[in-house]
Amino acid sequence: MSCACSLDNIPKIDVLPNIFSEESAEKNIRPENSIEYNCKNKKIFFLTYLNEKKSVWLVLPGREFKLNRIDESENAYTNDITTLEISDEKTQIKNDKEVLYSECIEKKDAV
């Protein structure tokens, strides 16, 4: 019996462009078509909307995961461990014990 798992177009990340190169390059954790958020204490995370904004793919340094929209809220997503609350003034990521990323603002790309 075989089993398959689907993860809704997981964003592609360019982390190892050429592992045999002698050139030193900064690691890029930003997925294609993602939104960058800059937070207090120089923290950064990336966000990609999935399934017509019913879920998001959240990329933090060292980890990434999916959060589902909370039914009663248009701008809050959770996986029952981590919660992302999006607003113009105070986007934040928190868990049951503390706020992990605070005072986050969407980075607008230069035109």
Protein backbone atom coordinates (compact mmCIF):
# COMPACT_ATOMS: atom_id res chain seq x y z
CA MET A 1 0.00 0.00 0.00
CA SER A 2 1.45 3.37 -0.91
CA CYS A 3 0.71 6.73 0.67
CA ALA A 4 1.23 10.30 -0.58
CA CYS A 5 1.30 13.69 1.08
CA SER A 6 0.40 16.99 -0.57
CA LEU A 7 1.60 20.33 0.79
CA ASP A 8 -0.07 22.96 -1.44
CA ASN A 9 2.80 24.36 -3.54
CA ILE A 10 5.47 24.73 -0.91
CA PRO A 11 7.59 27.77 -1.87
CA LYS A 12 11.01 27.03 -3.34
CA ILE A 13 13.99 28.33 -1.34
CA ASP A 14 17.44 28.93 -2.80
CA VAL A 15 19.72 27.74 0.02
CA LEU A 16 22.44 25.71 -1.74
CA PRO A 17 23.00 27.15 -5.22
CA ASN A 18 26.43 25.50 -5.68
CA ILE A 19 27.86 23.61 -2.74
CA PHE A 20 31.20 23.05 -4.51
CA SER A 21 31.83 26.72 -5.28
CA GLU A 22 34.73 28.45 -3.55
CA GLU A 23 32.83 31.72 -3.49
CA SER A 24 31.22 32.76 -0.24
CA ALA A 25 27.64 33.97 -0.62
CA GLU A 26 25.03 35.06 1.86
CA LYS A 27 22.34 32.45 2.47
CA ASN A 28 19.01 33.50 0.97
CA ILE A 29 16.03 32.12 2.88
CA ARG A 30 13.44 34.22 1.03
CA PRO A 31 11.00 32.05 -0.94
CA GLU A 32 9.86 33.15 -4.39
CA ASN A 33 6.83 35.48 -4.35
CA SER A 34 6.93 35.88 -0.57
CA ILE A 35 6.28 38.95 1.58
CA GLU A 36 9.09 40.10 3.86
CA TYR A 37 8.33 41.41 7.36
CA ASN A 38 10.84 43.40 9.41
CA CYS A 39 10.34 43.26 13.17
CA LYS A 40 11.66 44.64 16.43
CA ASN A 41 15.24 43.61 17.33
CA LYS A 42 16.11 43.24 13.60
CA LYS A 43 14.14 40.00 13.27
CA ILE A 44 12.84 39.08 9.81
CA PHE A 45 10.35 36.52 8.54
CA PHE A 46 8.75 35.71 5.20
CA LEU A 47 5.14 34.91 4.42
CA THR A 48 3.44 33.32 1.42
CA TYR A 49 -0.35 33.07 1.16
CA LEU A 50 -1.76 29.69 0.11
CA ASN A 51 -5.25 28.47 -0.88
CA GLU A 52 -6.78 31.91 -1.50
CA LYS A 53 -5.48 33.19 1.88
CA LYS A 54 -6.97 30.25 3.80
CA SER A 55 -3.45 29.38 4.97
CA VAL A 56 0.08 30.79 4.96
CA TRP A 57 3.58 29.36 4.66
CA LEU A 58 5.76 31.02 7.30
CA VAL A 59 9.55 31.05 6.89
CA LEU A 60 11.67 31.91 9.93
CA PRO A 61 15.45 31.54 10.20
CA GLY A 62 16.06 27.81 10.65
CA ARG A 63 12.47 26.63 10.21
CA GLU A 64 9.33 26.94 8.13
CA PHE A 65 5.78 25.72 8.52
CA LYS A 66 2.16 26.14 7.49
CA LEU A 67 -0.49 28.01 9.50
CA ASN A 68 -4.24 27.87 8.83
CA ARG A 69 -6.56 30.86 9.04
CA ILE A 70 -8.66 31.06 12.19
CA ASP A 71 -12.29 30.85 11.02
CA GLU A 72 -13.55 33.92 12.85
CA SER A 73 -10.67 36.13 11.76
CA GLU A 74 -9.46 37.27 8.34
CA ASN A 75 -5.98 38.18 9.63
CA ALA A 76 -4.99 35.50 12.14
CA TYR A 77 -3.43 32.12 11.37
CA THR A 78 -2.44 29.27 13.68
CA ASN A 79 -1.29 25.65 13.92
CA ASP A 80 -2.35 25.42 17.61
CA ILE A 81 1.27 26.05 18.67
CA THR A 82 2.20 29.27 16.87
CA THR A 83 -0.13 32.15 15.97
CA LEU A 84 0.43 34.87 13.38
CA GLU A 85 -1.67 38.04 13.79
CA ILE A 86 -1.49 40.42 10.82
CA SER A 87 -2.42 44.09 11.06
CA ASP A 88 -1.14 47.37 9.63
CA GLU A 89 0.17 48.54 13.00
CA LYS A 90 1.14 45.40 14.92
CA THR A 91 1.83 42.19 13.04
CA GLN A 92 3.26 39.61 15.42
CA ILE A 93 4.07 35.94 15.88
CA LYS A 94 3.46 34.37 19.26
CA ASN A 95 3.06 31.08 21.06
CA ASP A 96 1.29 30.27 24.35
CA LYS A 97 4.17 31.61 26.44
CA GLU A 98 5.49 34.70 24.63
CA VAL A 99 5.55 37.01 21.63
CA LEU A 100 8.34 35.73 19.36
CA TYR A 101 8.28 38.47 16.69
CA SER A 102 6.79 41.87 17.55
CA GLU A 103 6.20 45.22 15.88
CA CYS A 104 6.52 43.66 12.43
CA ILE A 105 5.98 45.76 9.31
CA GLU A 106 5.63 44.54 5.75
CA LYS A 107 8.65 45.58 3.71
CA LYS A 108 7.60 47.45 0.60
CA ASP A 109 9.82 46.75 -2.41
CA ALA A 110 11.43 49.81 -4.00
CA VAL A 111 9.85 50.73 -7.32
